[in-house]
């Protein structure tokens, strides 16, 4: 007698949600612990989406500001602001051009304010005296310049015996501390300074060969403020940094007699990644080094061995280490952009590879990557960010919906999850990305499994149907009231993925004149569960 076959019940789909990865890009978290208590959700991939407190927003594009010399890398961008006089300059190896107003940004034109140079990596400081406001610039190769608001000239600086053979071409870095201009002598451990409130005259030597035990050469110096002064309040100090990752801090007015000059301490930070590889954060300085993006205040209080895990870049330590290994430890550029709440860290690009920079939200400390911006220099001017490229162009960042009119694609992949059923295989069925945007967009959703990212070709600029808009369609497809200036997209689409751990990848293409400002708020997924152990 045949036993009746038991009728198998159809499996029911379950629903899971991935909140927007406001925790940013994460490469240092246990893969099996995507959601940890007290930590915001993170992303395995977050390219060209910027993490905010509410979601992740597709970045804006760039437009060309100026064209200097074809195929001549723009190594420096700097501004001059004094009263009503404002100027923006950019430098290539052959000279400097005023790019404040450029009638034809797409037409290449050689440097027009300072010519006959051989190195474009200028370090510049603005300094005001009773005689006016000046820019002082040095690059360690060419004669230093002095800009008075009208024209460029040579700096009137002299070296004492037995250094009379030196010139301003031997000075590689410049900064201001306690109303004095300081310089670094290239390939040495010598620092030089001018008298108070002077832009020229006789330099005084401050030799530091006996200070640093690890050798190397001085690479940059800065004024640094801490809220731990002996008299209370801020304590301004002068810091000197070497290529071997040592920082010496001094307090007092100057090394001159009876000026209160004394050494505060020497700290290790990891080898710095260039003479422009740091940024100011209030009174503190955050430095791009081989061990991470390190706060000098933290380095002054912690053992060197603990710096990596306390670095600002700790959430992306794997990506950081890979970038250092692939792109080297020179010519990194850093800049903070207060208006956009961004901190930008730009490793040098590699020919033939995708150009990548690291970007952090300065309020939340969360990271992402921006791609296709071949940043070789950064400059902040009147609240706008500009970057120079290897093609000899200067680009204005974050202003349009395209990269010089070309499309770009944002990629978001939340960290993989076992969906509270670690022993079972799951089959992804459908998904939707809840996106808030200024323009209709069609996000492309793909199922991802078992910690392997496999994105298909980028989506086109197709737009969703009306039925996918909240406030237009029915609940489950659309029901959400939104302001007229915002559109909420939440369209269910079929996806395919099979594995113990699932995620949903989202891609959005932008190539508009106006920026999309598309913000991912949440990603929903329906899935079915197989038997435990299958």
Protein backbone atom coordinates (compact mmCIF):
# COMPACT_ATOMS: atom_id res chain seq x y z
CA UNK A 1 0.00 0.00 0.00
CA UNK A 2 1.44 3.35 -1.09
CA UNK A 3 1.91 6.01 1.56
CA UNK A 4 0.23 9.26 0.59
CA UNK A 5 2.67 12.03 -0.33
CA UNK A 6 2.52 14.91 2.07
CA UNK A 7 1.72 18.11 0.31
CA UNK A 8 4.55 20.62 0.72
CA UNK A 9 3.42 24.05 1.77
CA UNK A 10 4.76 26.97 -0.21
CA UNK A 11 7.43 28.90 1.59
CA UNK A 12 6.46 32.34 2.80
CA UNK A 13 8.58 35.34 2.00
CA UNK A 14 10.04 37.33 4.85
CA UNK A 15 10.89 41.01 4.98
CA UNK A 16 14.18 42.57 6.05
CA UNK A 17 15.36 46.16 6.01
CA UNK A 18 18.80 47.69 5.63
CA UNK A 19 18.85 51.24 7.02
CA UNK A 20 20.94 53.68 5.05
CA UNK A 21 24.61 53.09 5.97
CA UNK A 22 25.04 56.33 7.89
CA UNK A 23 28.06 54.66 9.51
CA UNK A 24 29.80 55.10 6.17
CA UNK A 25 32.35 52.83 4.53
CA UNK A 26 33.61 50.18 6.96
CA UNK A 27 36.54 47.87 6.28
CA UNK A 28 37.63 47.01 9.81
CA UNK A 29 34.50 45.32 11.20
CA UNK A 30 34.00 41.59 11.70
CA UNK A 31 32.17 40.48 8.55
CA UNK A 32 29.82 38.32 10.59
CA UNK A 33 28.82 41.23 12.83
CA UNK A 34 27.34 43.75 10.45
CA UNK A 35 25.18 45.42 13.07
CA UNK A 36 26.95 46.01 16.34
CA UNK A 37 25.30 47.57 19.36
CA UNK A 38 25.91 51.27 19.60
CA UNK A 39 27.27 51.53 16.05
CA UNK A 40 25.41 52.92 13.03
CA UNK A 41 24.92 50.62 10.02
CA UNK A 42 27.89 50.55 7.68
CA UNK A 43 28.61 49.82 4.04
CA UNK A 44 30.95 47.35 2.37
CA UNK A 45 31.00 49.68 -0.66
CA UNK A 46 30.12 53.37 -0.59
CA UNK A 47 31.37 54.99 -3.79
CA UNK A 48 30.20 58.51 -4.64
CA UNK A 49 27.59 58.49 -1.88
CA UNK A 50 28.27 60.83 1.06
CA UNK A 51 27.12 59.67 4.52
CA UNK A 52 25.03 62.14 6.51
CA UNK A 53 23.09 61.84 9.76
CA UNK A 54 19.91 60.87 7.87
CA UNK A 55 21.08 58.81 4.89
CA UNK A 56 23.68 58.60 2.14
CA UNK A 57 23.53 61.24 -0.60
CA UNK A 58 24.80 60.91 -4.16
CA UNK A 59 27.66 63.35 -4.58
CA UNK A 60 27.56 66.24 -7.02
CA UNK A 61 29.81 66.53 -10.05
CA UNK A 62 32.39 69.04 -11.23
CA UNK A 63 32.89 71.62 -13.95
CA UNK A 64 36.07 73.02 -15.46
CA UNK A 65 37.21 76.28 -13.94
CA UNK A 66 40.36 76.82 -16.04
CA UNK A 67 42.85 75.16 -18.39
CA UNK A 68 46.52 75.99 -17.80
CA UNK A 69 48.99 73.91 -19.82
CA UNK A 70 47.91 70.69 -21.52
CA UNK A 71 49.24 67.54 -19.79
CA UNK A 72 51.08 69.64 -17.20
CA UNK A 73 49.92 68.69 -13.71
CA UNK A 74 48.33 71.43 -11.61
CA UNK A 75 50.25 70.95 -8.35
CA UNK A 76 49.09 73.98 -6.35
CA UNK A 77 45.93 76.05 -5.93
CA UNK A 78 45.94 79.01 -3.54
CA UNK A 79 44.05 82.23 -2.94
CA UNK A 80 44.65 85.80 -1.84
CA UNK A 81 41.98 87.66 0.13
CA UNK A 82 42.59 91.18 1.44
CA UNK A 83 39.67 93.53 1.82
CA UNK A 84 37.86 93.71 -1.50
CA UNK A 85 40.80 92.18 -3.40
CA UNK A 86 40.40 88.48 -4.02
CA UNK A 87 42.47 86.34 -6.37
CA UNK A 88 42.65 82.62 -7.12
CA UNK A 89 45.90 81.18 -8.50
CA UNK A 90 46.92 77.79 -9.88
CA UNK A 91 50.43 76.53 -10.62
CA UNK A 92 51.98 74.05 -13.03
CA UNK A 93 55.70 73.35 -13.36
CA UNK A 94 56.29 76.30 -15.70
CA UNK A 95 54.57 79.00 -13.67
CA UNK A 96 51.46 80.43 -12.05
CA UNK A 97 48.23 81.67 -13.57
CA UNK A 98 45.53 83.94 -12.18
CA UNK A 99 42.28 81.95 -12.58
CA UNK A 100 39.95 84.24 -10.64
CA UNK A 101 37.99 84.95 -13.82
CA UNK A 102 38.51 82.78 -16.89
CA UNK A 103 36.45 83.74 -19.97
CA UNK A 104 37.12 80.43 -21.77
CA UNK A 105 37.74 77.66 -19.20
CA UNK A 106 38.16 75.03 -21.92
CA UNK A 107 40.97 76.86 -23.73
CA UNK A 108 44.49 76.07 -22.57
CA UNK A 109 46.55 79.14 -21.75
CA UNK A 110 50.00 79.16 -20.19
CA UNK A 111 50.81 80.81 -16.85
CA UNK A 112 50.41 84.56 -17.08
CA UNK A 113 51.47 86.03 -13.73
CA UNK A 114 54.70 84.17 -12.94
CA UNK A 115 56.73 82.38 -15.61
CA UNK A 116 60.09 80.69 -16.06
CA UNK A 117 59.61 78.22 -13.20
CA UNK A 118 60.34 74.48 -13.03
CA UNK A 119 58.22 73.20 -10.11
CA UNK A 120 54.52 73.75 -9.42
CA UNK A 121 54.42 72.44 -5.84
CA UNK A 122 54.29 75.80 -4.08
CA UNK A 123 53.75 76.16 -0.35
CA UNK A 124 52.18 79.53 0.31
CA UNK A 125 51.21 81.61 3.33
CA UNK A 126 49.35 84.92 3.56
CA UNK A 127 50.90 87.42 5.97
CA UNK A 128 49.87 90.97 6.90
CA UNK A 129 52.25 93.72 8.01
CA UNK A 130 51.96 97.48 8.42
CA UNK A 131 53.00 97.72 4.77
CA UNK A 132 50.20 95.56 3.39
CA UNK A 133 49.04 91.98 2.96
CA UNK A 134 51.32 89.57 1.12
CA UNK A 135 51.61 86.03 -0.15
CA UNK A 136 54.97 84.35 0.44
CA UNK A 137 55.65 81.18 -1.56
CA UNK A 138 58.49 78.65 -1.77
CA UNK A 139 58.88 75.26 -3.46
CA UNK A 140 62.48 74.16 -2.77
CA UNK A 141 63.50 74.44 -6.44
CA UNK A 142 62.69 77.90 -7.80
CA UNK A 143 63.29 81.35 -6.36
CA UNK A 144 60.59 82.11 -3.81
CA UNK A 145 57.96 84.73 -4.62
CA UNK A 146 56.30 87.64 -2.88
CA UNK A 147 52.84 88.77 -4.02
CA UNK A 148 51.60 92.16 -2.80
CA UNK A 149 48.05 92.06 -4.12
CA UNK A 150 49.05 93.46 -7.51
CA UNK A 151 52.16 91.74 -8.81
CA UNK A 152 54.63 88.92 -8.13
CA UNK A 153 58.23 89.61 -7.20
CA UNK A 154 61.19 87.94 -5.48
CA UNK A 155 61.41 87.75 -1.71
CA UNK A 156 64.06 90.00 -0.12
CA UNK A 157 65.56 87.39 2.19
CA UNK A 158 69.21 86.97 3.12
CA UNK A 159 71.10 84.10 4.78
CA UNK A 160 73.86 84.68 7.33
CA UNK A 161 77.41 83.34 7.01
CA UNK A 162 78.37 80.54 6.58
CA UNK A 163 75.07 79.98 4.70
CA UNK A 164 75.40 82.91 2.30
CA UNK A 165 75.40 80.54 -0.68
CA UNK A 166 71.80 79.55 0.09
CA UNK A 167 68.90 81.23 -1.68
CA UNK A 168 65.13 81.13 -1.38
CA UNK A 169 65.22 78.25 -3.88
CA UNK A 170 66.61 76.19 -0.97
CA UNK A 171 63.46 76.81 1.11
CA UNK A 172 60.79 74.17 0.70
CA UNK A 173 58.07 75.11 3.21
CA UNK A 174 56.68 78.25 4.85
CA UNK A 175 54.29 78.92 7.73
CA UNK A 176 53.50 81.57 10.37
CA UNK A 177 53.91 81.27 14.13
CA UNK A 178 53.64 84.08 16.67
CA UNK A 179 53.72 86.80 13.98
CA UNK A 180 56.90 85.41 12.43
CA UNK A 181 57.37 83.70 9.09
CA UNK A 182 59.18 80.38 9.38
CA UNK A 183 60.81 78.32 6.62
CA UNK A 184 62.22 74.83 6.17
CA UNK A 185 65.49 74.32 4.35
CA UNK A 186 65.03 71.49 1.87
CA UNK A 187 66.66 68.10 2.48
CA UNK A 188 67.78 69.13 5.95
CA UNK A 189 66.78 69.40 9.60
CA UNK A 190 67.23 73.18 9.56
CA UNK A 191 64.44 75.67 10.15
CA UNK A 192 64.76 79.41 9.60
CA UNK A 193 62.71 82.39 10.80
CA UNK A 194 62.37 86.11 10.13
CA UNK A 195 61.99 88.94 12.66
CA UNK A 196 58.50 89.76 13.94
CA UNK A 197 56.12 91.29 11.37
CA UNK A 198 58.62 91.15 8.52
CA UNK A 199 58.33 89.57 5.07
CA UNK A 200 62.04 89.99 4.31
CA UNK A 201 65.38 90.60 5.89
CA UNK A 202 67.97 88.40 7.57
CA UNK A 203 66.97 84.85 8.46
CA UNK A 204 67.92 83.21 11.76
CA UNK A 205 68.79 79.52 11.87
CA UNK A 206 67.14 77.02 14.20
CA UNK A 207 69.09 73.74 13.73
CA UNK A 208 67.21 70.60 14.78
CA UNK A 209 69.67 67.85 13.90
CA UNK A 210 70.08 66.95 17.57
CA UNK A 211 66.35 66.88 18.28
CA UNK A 212 65.14 64.04 16.08
CA UNK A 213 66.61 60.62 16.84
CA UNK A 214 65.21 58.90 13.74
CA UNK A 215 66.84 61.17 11.22
CA UNK A 216 65.12 62.09 7.98
CA UNK A 217 64.47 65.69 6.99
CA UNK A 218 61.97 68.35 7.97
CA UNK A 219 58.89 68.27 5.75
CA UNK A 220 56.49 70.85 7.24
CA UNK A 221 55.79 73.01 10.28
CA UNK A 222 52.69 74.66 11.69
CA UNK A 223 51.24 76.48 14.67
CA UNK A 224 49.27 74.07 16.86
CA UNK A 225 46.86 74.92 19.67
CA UNK A 226 45.81 72.81 22.64
CA UNK A 227 43.36 73.62 25.44
CA UNK A 228 45.92 72.61 28.07
CA UNK A 229 48.00 75.71 28.52
CA UNK A 230 49.68 76.19 31.87
CA UNK A 231 47.86 79.49 32.33
CA UNK A 232 44.54 78.02 31.20
CA UNK A 233 42.89 78.31 27.83
CA UNK A 234 44.57 77.65 24.51
CA UNK A 235 48.30 76.97 24.40
CA UNK A 236 49.78 77.75 20.98
CA UNK A 237 52.86 75.79 20.06
CA UNK A 238 55.13 75.52 17.04
CA UNK A 239 55.46 72.00 15.64
CA UNK A 240 58.14 70.64 13.30
CA UNK A 241 57.49 67.39 11.40
CA UNK A 242 60.02 65.06 9.77
CA UNK A 243 59.79 62.58 6.93
CA UNK A 244 60.33 59.77 9.47
CA UNK A 245 57.17 60.63 11.38
CA UNK A 246 58.52 62.55 14.37
CA UNK A 247 56.92 65.79 15.55
CA UNK A 248 58.69 68.19 17.91
CA UNK A 249 56.53 70.77 19.70
CA UNK A 250 57.92 74.02 21.14
CA UNK A 251 56.30 76.85 23.05
CA UNK A 252 57.38 80.44 23.44
CA UNK A 253 57.75 83.37 21.08
CA UNK A 254 60.92 82.31 19.27
CA UNK A 255 64.34 80.70 19.87
CA UNK A 256 65.80 84.17 20.48
CA UNK A 257 67.15 84.89 23.95
CA UNK A 258 64.55 85.56 26.66
CA UNK A 259 61.63 84.61 24.42
CA UNK A 260 60.45 81.68 26.56
CA UNK A 261 61.38 79.07 23.94
CA UNK A 262 61.26 75.51 25.28
CA UNK A 263 60.55 72.03 24.00
CA UNK A 264 57.19 70.58 25.00
CA UNK A 265 57.68 67.08 23.62
CA UNK A 266 58.47 64.81 20.71
CA UNK A 267 55.75 62.53 19.32
CA UNK A 268 55.59 59.78 16.72
CA UNK A 269 52.81 59.83 14.15
CA UNK A 270 53.79 57.45 11.34
CA UNK A 271 55.54 58.73 8.23
CA UNK A 272 53.61 61.69 6.76
CA UNK A 273 52.34 61.27 3.21
CA UNK A 274 53.54 64.58 1.82
CA UNK A 275 53.99 68.24 2.68
CA UNK A 276 50.29 68.95 2.06
CA UNK A 277 49.01 65.75 3.67
CA UNK A 278 47.38 67.31 6.72
CA UNK A 279 44.49 69.59 7.64
CA UNK A 280 43.48 71.80 10.51
CA UNK A 281 40.56 70.78 12.73
CA UNK A 282 40.00 73.71 15.05
CA UNK A 283 43.30 74.14 16.85
CA UNK A 284 44.31 70.53 16.22
CA UNK A 285 46.11 69.13 13.17
CA UNK A 286 45.07 65.83 11.56
CA UNK A 287 47.85 64.21 9.53
CA UNK A 288 47.70 61.61 6.75
CA UNK A 289 50.37 59.06 7.65
CA UNK A 290 51.35 55.49 6.85
CA UNK A 291 49.45 54.31 9.95
CA UNK A 292 46.29 56.29 9.26
CA UNK A 293 44.74 59.74 9.52
CA UNK A 294 46.17 60.74 12.89
CA UNK A 295 45.22 63.59 15.21
CA UNK A 296 48.31 65.30 16.61
CA UNK A 297 46.47 65.85 19.89
CA UNK A 298 45.88 62.08 20.12
CA UNK A 299 49.50 61.34 19.19
CA UNK A 300 50.68 63.59 22.03
CA UNK A 301 48.73 61.53 24.56
CA UNK A 302 48.95 57.94 23.25
CA UNK A 303 51.62 55.39 22.60
CA UNK A 304 52.67 55.08 18.97
CA UNK A 305 51.57 51.43 18.90
CA UNK A 306 47.97 52.47 19.63
CA UNK A 307 47.72 55.21 17.03
CA UNK A 308 46.27 53.03 14.27
CA UNK A 309 43.23 51.93 16.23
CA UNK A 310 42.64 55.49 17.44
CA UNK A 311 43.16 57.13 14.05
CA UNK A 312 40.35 59.12 12.48
CA UNK A 313 40.60 56.71 9.54
CA UNK A 314 40.25 53.55 11.68
CA UNK A 315 36.88 52.49 10.12
CA UNK A 316 38.60 52.30 6.71
CA UNK A 317 42.01 51.05 7.85
CA UNK A 318 42.11 48.25 5.26
CA UNK A 319 41.35 50.64 2.40
CA UNK A 320 43.84 53.16 3.80
CA UNK A 321 46.63 50.60 4.05
CA UNK A 322 45.94 49.41 0.50
CA UNK A 323 46.07 52.98 -0.82
CA UNK A 324 49.42 53.58 0.90
CA UNK A 325 50.81 50.33 -0.54
CA UNK A 326 49.58 51.07 -4.08
CA UNK A 327 49.94 54.85 -4.30
CA UNK A 328 53.03 55.52 -2.22
CA UNK A 329 53.71 57.88 0.65
CA UNK A 330 54.24 61.19 -1.16
CA UNK A 331 52.03 63.83 -2.78
CA UNK A 332 48.86 63.05 -0.81
CA UNK A 333 46.64 66.11 -0.45
CA UNK A 334 44.20 66.99 2.35
CA UNK A 335 41.68 69.76 2.77
CA UNK A 336 38.71 70.43 5.04
CA UNK A 337 35.59 71.98 3.51
CA UNK A 338 33.46 73.45 6.32
CA UNK A 339 30.58 74.55 4.09
CA UNK A 340 29.99 70.97 2.91
CA UNK A 341 31.06 69.34 6.21
CA UNK A 342 33.69 67.36 4.30
CA UNK A 343 37.26 66.33 4.94
CA UNK A 344 39.00 65.28 1.72
CA UNK A 345 42.07 63.04 1.58
CA UNK A 346 43.40 62.54 -1.95
CA UNK A 347 46.11 59.95 -2.67
CA UNK A 348 47.93 60.46 -5.98
CA UNK A 349 46.09 58.74 -8.86
CA UNK A 350 47.52 55.73 -10.67
CA UNK A 351 47.51 55.67 -14.46
CA UNK A 352 45.12 53.05 -15.76
CA UNK A 353 43.26 52.61 -12.45
CA UNK A 354 40.05 54.13 -11.10
CA UNK A 355 40.86 57.42 -9.44
CA UNK A 356 39.77 57.34 -5.80
CA UNK A 357 39.80 59.84 -2.94
CA UNK A 358 38.64 59.38 0.65
CA UNK A 359 35.97 61.76 1.98
CA UNK A 360 34.74 61.99 5.57
CA UNK A 361 31.78 63.74 7.16
CA UNK A 362 33.50 66.05 9.68
CA UNK A 363 30.44 66.00 11.96
CA UNK A 364 29.99 62.23 12.15
CA UNK A 365 33.51 61.04 11.27
CA UNK A 366 32.11 58.55 8.72
CA UNK A 367 33.84 57.82 5.42
CA UNK A 368 33.11 57.16 1.77
CA UNK A 369 35.03 57.20 -1.52
CA UNK A 370 34.66 59.57 -4.45
CA UNK A 371 35.78 58.15 -7.78
CA UNK A 372 36.88 59.64 -11.11
CA UNK A 373 38.24 62.86 -9.63
CA UNK A 374 41.94 62.78 -10.52
CA UNK A 375 42.95 65.11 -7.70
CA UNK A 376 46.56 66.33 -7.76
CA UNK A 377 45.98 69.50 -5.73
CA UNK A 378 43.24 71.03 -3.61
CA UNK A 379 42.32 74.62 -2.88
CA UNK A 380 39.50 76.20 -0.88
CA UNK A 381 38.53 79.67 -2.04
CA UNK A 382 35.56 81.74 -0.88
CA UNK A 383 33.68 78.67 0.31
CA UNK A 384 34.21 76.69 -2.92
CA UNK A 385 36.50 73.68 -3.43
CA UNK A 386 38.77 73.42 -6.47
CA UNK A 387 41.09 70.65 -7.54
CA UNK A 388 43.88 70.41 -10.07
CA UNK A 389 44.41 67.46 -12.42
CA UNK A 390 47.23 65.80 -14.32
CA UNK A 391 45.66 67.09 -17.54
CA UNK A 392 46.49 70.69 -16.64
CA UNK A 393 42.95 71.67 -15.68
CA UNK A 394 41.36 73.13 -12.56
CA UNK A 395 37.94 71.79 -11.65
CA UNK A 396 35.31 73.27 -9.38
CA UNK A 397 33.97 70.47 -7.21
CA UNK A 398 30.45 69.54 -6.14
CA UNK A 399 28.38 71.83 -8.35
CA UNK A 400 26.59 69.87 -11.11
CA UNK A 401 25.05 66.50 -11.93
CA UNK A 402 27.91 65.37 -14.17
CA UNK A 403 31.70 65.19 -14.18
CA UNK A 404 32.46 67.78 -16.86
CA UNK A 405 29.23 66.69 -18.53
CA UNK A 406 30.03 62.97 -18.34
CA UNK A 407 27.96 60.52 -16.26
CA UNK A 408 29.13 59.05 -12.99
CA UNK A 409 27.67 56.22 -10.92
CA UNK A 410 27.09 56.02 -7.19
CA UNK A 411 27.40 52.56 -5.62
CA UNK A 412 26.08 51.56 -2.22
CA UNK A 413 26.31 48.09 -0.68
CA UNK A 414 25.29 47.76 2.99
CA UNK A 415 27.28 45.28 5.06
CA UNK A 416 26.14 41.69 4.56
CA UNK A 417 23.77 40.20 7.15
CA UNK A 418 22.58 36.69 8.08
CA UNK A 419 19.10 38.18 8.72
CA UNK A 420 18.97 36.60 12.20
CA UNK A 421 19.11 33.08 10.73
CA UNK A 422 22.82 32.24 10.49
CA UNK A 423 22.40 28.52 9.82
CA UNK A 424 20.07 28.79 6.85
CA UNK A 425 20.45 29.54 3.19
CA UNK A 426 18.32 32.40 1.90
CA UNK A 427 16.93 33.26 -1.49
CA UNK A 428 16.50 36.96 -2.23
CA UNK A 429 13.26 37.66 -4.10
CA UNK A 430 12.50 41.37 -4.43
CA UNK A 431 13.89 44.62 -3.10
CA UNK A 432 13.27 48.32 -3.11
CA UNK A 433 15.42 51.33 -2.30
CA UNK A 434 13.61 54.19 -0.65
CA UNK A 435 15.26 57.22 -2.24
CA UNK A 436 14.58 60.91 -1.79
CA UNK A 437 15.64 63.01 -4.77
CA UNK A 438 15.14 66.35 -6.47
CA UNK A 439 14.70 64.64 -9.85
CA UNK A 440 13.12 61.33 -10.86
CA UNK A 441 15.71 58.56 -10.78
CA UNK A 442 15.63 54.80 -11.28
CA UNK A 443 17.94 53.06 -8.81
CA UNK A 444 19.34 49.75 -10.01
CA UNK A 445 19.07 47.05 -7.34
CA UNK A 446 20.94 43.75 -7.36
CA UNK A 447 21.05 40.93 -4.87
CA UNK A 448 24.47 40.25 -3.33
CA UNK A 449 25.50 37.23 -1.25
CA UNK A 450 28.29 35.79 0.89
CA UNK A 451 30.47 38.90 1.12
CA UNK A 452 31.19 39.06 -2.62
CA UNK A 453 30.26 42.28 -4.44
CA UNK A 454 29.12 41.65 -8.00
CA UNK A 455 27.64 44.77 -9.54
CA UNK A 456 26.30 44.63 -13.11
CA UNK A 457 26.87 47.34 -15.72
CA UNK A 458 25.76 50.77 -14.47
CA UNK A 459 22.13 51.73 -15.04
CA UNK A 460 20.98 54.19 -17.64
CA UNK A 461 19.28 57.44 -16.78
CA UNK A 462 15.85 55.85 -17.06
CA UNK A 463 13.13 57.17 -14.80
CA UNK A 464 10.61 55.15 -12.76
CA UNK A 465 6.93 55.00 -13.51
CA UNK A 466 4.43 57.16 -11.65
CA UNK A 467 3.23 54.10 -9.75
CA UNK A 468 6.53 53.89 -7.93
CA UNK A 469 6.23 57.33 -6.32
CA UNK A 470 4.98 57.77 -2.79
CA UNK A 471 2.18 60.28 -2.76
CA UNK A 472 1.10 59.16 -6.27
CA UNK A 473 0.48 55.42 -6.15
CA UNK A 474 -0.93 53.03 -3.55
CA UNK A 475 0.49 51.96 -0.20
CA UNK A 476 3.13 49.26 -0.66
CA UNK A 477 4.10 50.90 -3.93
CA UNK A 478 3.96 54.52 -3.13
CA UNK A 479 1.98 56.20 -0.30
CA UNK A 480 3.99 59.00 1.28
CA UNK A 481 3.38 62.72 1.20
CA UNK A 482 6.43 64.74 0.23
CA UNK A 483 7.18 68.41 -0.36
CA UNK A 484 6.90 69.55 -3.95
CA UNK A 485 10.67 70.00 -4.15
CA UNK A 486 11.32 66.36 -3.19
CA UNK A 487 10.38 63.09 -4.83
CA UNK A 488 10.29 59.81 -2.95
CA UNK A 489 10.98 56.68 -5.01
CA UNK A 490 10.21 53.21 -3.63
CA UNK A 491 9.79 50.73 -6.47
CA UNK A 492 9.85 46.98 -5.82
CA UNK A 493 11.96 45.07 -8.34
CA UNK A 494 12.94 41.40 -8.60
CA UNK A 495 16.51 40.54 -7.65
CA UNK A 496 18.49 37.34 -7.49
CA UNK A 497 20.84 36.13 -4.77
CA UNK A 498 21.35 32.93 -2.84
CA UNK A 499 23.51 32.45 0.24
CA UNK A 500 23.83 32.42 4.01
CA UNK A 501 24.41 36.19 4.12
CA UNK A 502 22.66 38.72 1.91
CA UNK A 503 22.78 42.37 1.01
CA UNK A 504 21.32 44.59 -1.71
CA UNK A 505 23.51 46.70 -3.97
CA UNK A 506 22.20 50.05 -5.23
CA UNK A 507 23.54 51.98 -8.22
CA UNK A 508 22.35 55.40 -9.40
CA UNK A 509 23.66 57.13 -12.52
CA UNK A 510 23.90 60.92 -12.71
CA UNK A 511 24.55 62.94 -15.86
CA UNK A 512 22.32 65.97 -15.45
CA UNK A 513 23.10 69.66 -15.52
CA UNK A 514 21.32 69.95 -12.19
CA UNK A 515 22.51 67.67 -9.37
CA UNK A 516 20.19 64.82 -8.39
CA UNK A 517 20.96 65.00 -4.67
CA UNK A 518 19.50 61.50 -4.43
CA UNK A 519 19.49 60.25 -0.84
CA UNK A 520 19.09 56.58 0.08
CA UNK A 521 17.00 56.33 3.23
CA UNK A 522 16.40 52.57 3.50
CA UNK A 523 16.61 49.37 1.48
CA UNK A 524 13.95 46.69 1.90
CA UNK A 525 14.35 43.04 0.91
CA UNK A 526 11.98 40.07 0.66
CA UNK A 527 13.55 36.63 0.93
CA UNK A 528 12.76 32.99 1.56
CA UNK A 529 14.58 30.65 3.92
CA UNK A 530 15.71 27.13 3.05
CA UNK A 531 16.18 24.41 5.66
CA UNK A 532 18.95 24.77 8.23
CA UNK A 533 22.19 23.36 6.90
CA UNK A 534 21.10 23.24 3.23
